[in-house]
Amino acid sequence: MRQRGGAPQLPSGVCGSANTLERRQRVLFPADDDWQEAWRRFAADGIGGPGIVDHLAFLVMRRHGLAEVFTNERHFRTAGFEPLF
């Protein structure tokens, strides 16, 4: 990611993804089963693994068929998602 004038230059496609989500105006909420499974996976991973919020996001994203994520956190790539920066 190059910077111009101190502001980060976003990769191509990021703005298009944001516009698509904005048009849909949907907020995805975790189901009760997502919470239970996220806590189970978090406890199994131990220190250094993804946090509870990451596990919850993985489950919700998979349930909704989402593959791209607006983050640069390594746990998402390791979990099989495509970070957008």
Protein backbone atom coordinates (compact mmCIF):
# COMPACT_ATOMS: atom_id res chain seq x y z
CA MET A 1 0.00 0.00 0.00
CA ARG A 2 1.62 3.26 -1.10
CA GLN A 3 1.12 6.52 0.65
CA ARG A 4 0.64 9.88 -0.96
CA GLY A 5 0.71 12.98 1.22
CA GLY A 6 0.53 10.94 4.42
CA ALA A 7 -2.80 9.28 3.60
CA PRO A 8 -2.84 5.54 2.84
CA GLN A 9 -3.61 4.53 -0.73
CA LEU A 10 -6.28 1.83 -0.62
CA PRO A 11 -5.95 -1.15 -2.96
CA SER A 12 -8.17 -1.16 -6.02
CA GLY A 13 -11.52 -2.75 -5.34
CA VAL A 14 -11.74 -1.66 -1.72
CA CYS A 15 -13.89 1.37 -2.45
CA GLY A 16 -16.10 -0.71 -4.72
CA SER A 17 -16.63 -3.26 -1.94
CA ALA A 18 -17.47 -0.50 0.54
CA ASN A 19 -19.98 1.02 -1.91
CA THR A 20 -21.63 -2.36 -2.44
CA LEU A 21 -22.03 -2.91 1.31
CA GLU A 22 -23.30 0.63 1.77
CA ARG A 23 -26.01 0.05 -0.85
CA ARG A 24 -27.11 -3.15 0.87
CA GLN A 25 -27.35 -1.41 4.24
CA ARG A 26 -27.25 -4.67 6.15
CA VAL A 27 -25.86 -5.33 9.56
CA LEU A 28 -25.03 -8.96 10.22
CA PHE A 29 -25.64 -10.17 13.75
CA PRO A 30 -24.25 -13.38 15.25
CA ALA A 31 -26.74 -16.11 16.12
CA ASP A 32 -26.71 -17.75 19.55
CA ASP A 33 -24.98 -20.78 18.02
CA ASP A 34 -22.26 -18.49 16.62
CA TRP A 35 -21.50 -17.19 20.12
CA GLN A 36 -21.29 -20.67 21.60
CA GLU A 37 -19.05 -21.96 18.82
CA ALA A 38 -16.83 -18.86 18.93
CA TRP A 39 -16.22 -19.32 22.67
CA ARG A 40 -15.46 -23.01 22.14
CA ARG A 41 -12.90 -22.24 19.41
CA PHE A 42 -11.39 -19.38 21.40
CA ALA A 43 -10.86 -21.64 24.43
CA ALA A 44 -9.34 -24.35 22.24
CA ASP A 45 -6.86 -22.00 20.53
CA GLY A 46 -5.23 -20.62 23.65
CA ILE A 47 -2.87 -17.65 23.86
CA GLY A 48 -1.70 -16.22 20.54
CA GLY A 49 -4.66 -17.44 18.53
CA PRO A 50 -7.51 -15.34 17.19
CA GLY A 51 -9.54 -13.44 19.77
CA ILE A 52 -13.17 -14.08 20.54
CA VAL A 53 -14.27 -11.24 18.24
CA ASP A 54 -12.22 -12.71 15.39
CA HIS A 55 -13.76 -16.16 15.88
CA LEU A 56 -17.21 -14.63 15.93
CA ALA A 57 -16.48 -12.72 12.73
CA PHE A 58 -15.15 -15.89 11.03
CA LEU A 59 -18.35 -17.77 11.82
CA VAL A 60 -20.72 -14.98 10.74
CA MET A 61 -18.73 -14.31 7.56
CA ARG A 62 -18.72 -18.00 6.60
CA ARG A 63 -22.44 -18.31 7.29
CA HIS A 64 -23.09 -15.40 4.92
CA GLY A 65 -20.60 -16.52 2.27
CA LEU A 66 -18.24 -13.56 2.71
CA ALA A 67 -14.64 -14.08 1.62
CA GLU A 68 -13.14 -10.56 1.70
CA VAL A 69 -12.52 -8.61 4.86
CA PHE A 70 -11.48 -4.99 5.45
CA THR A 71 -8.56 -5.71 7.77
CA ASN A 72 -4.87 -6.45 7.73
CA GLU A 73 -4.99 -8.79 10.71
CA ARG A 74 -3.12 -12.01 9.99
CA HIS A 75 -5.69 -14.25 11.69
CA PHE A 76 -8.20 -13.59 8.93
CA ARG A 77 -5.78 -14.70 6.20
CA THR A 78 -4.88 -17.77 8.26
CA ALA A 79 -8.61 -18.56 8.60
CA GLY A 80 -8.97 -18.48 4.80
CA PHE A 81 -10.30 -14.97 4.22
CA GLU A 82 -8.85 -12.38 1.81
CA PRO A 83 -7.81 -9.18 3.60
CA LEU A 84 -8.31 -6.12 1.40
CA PHE A 85 -5.19 -4.35 2.67
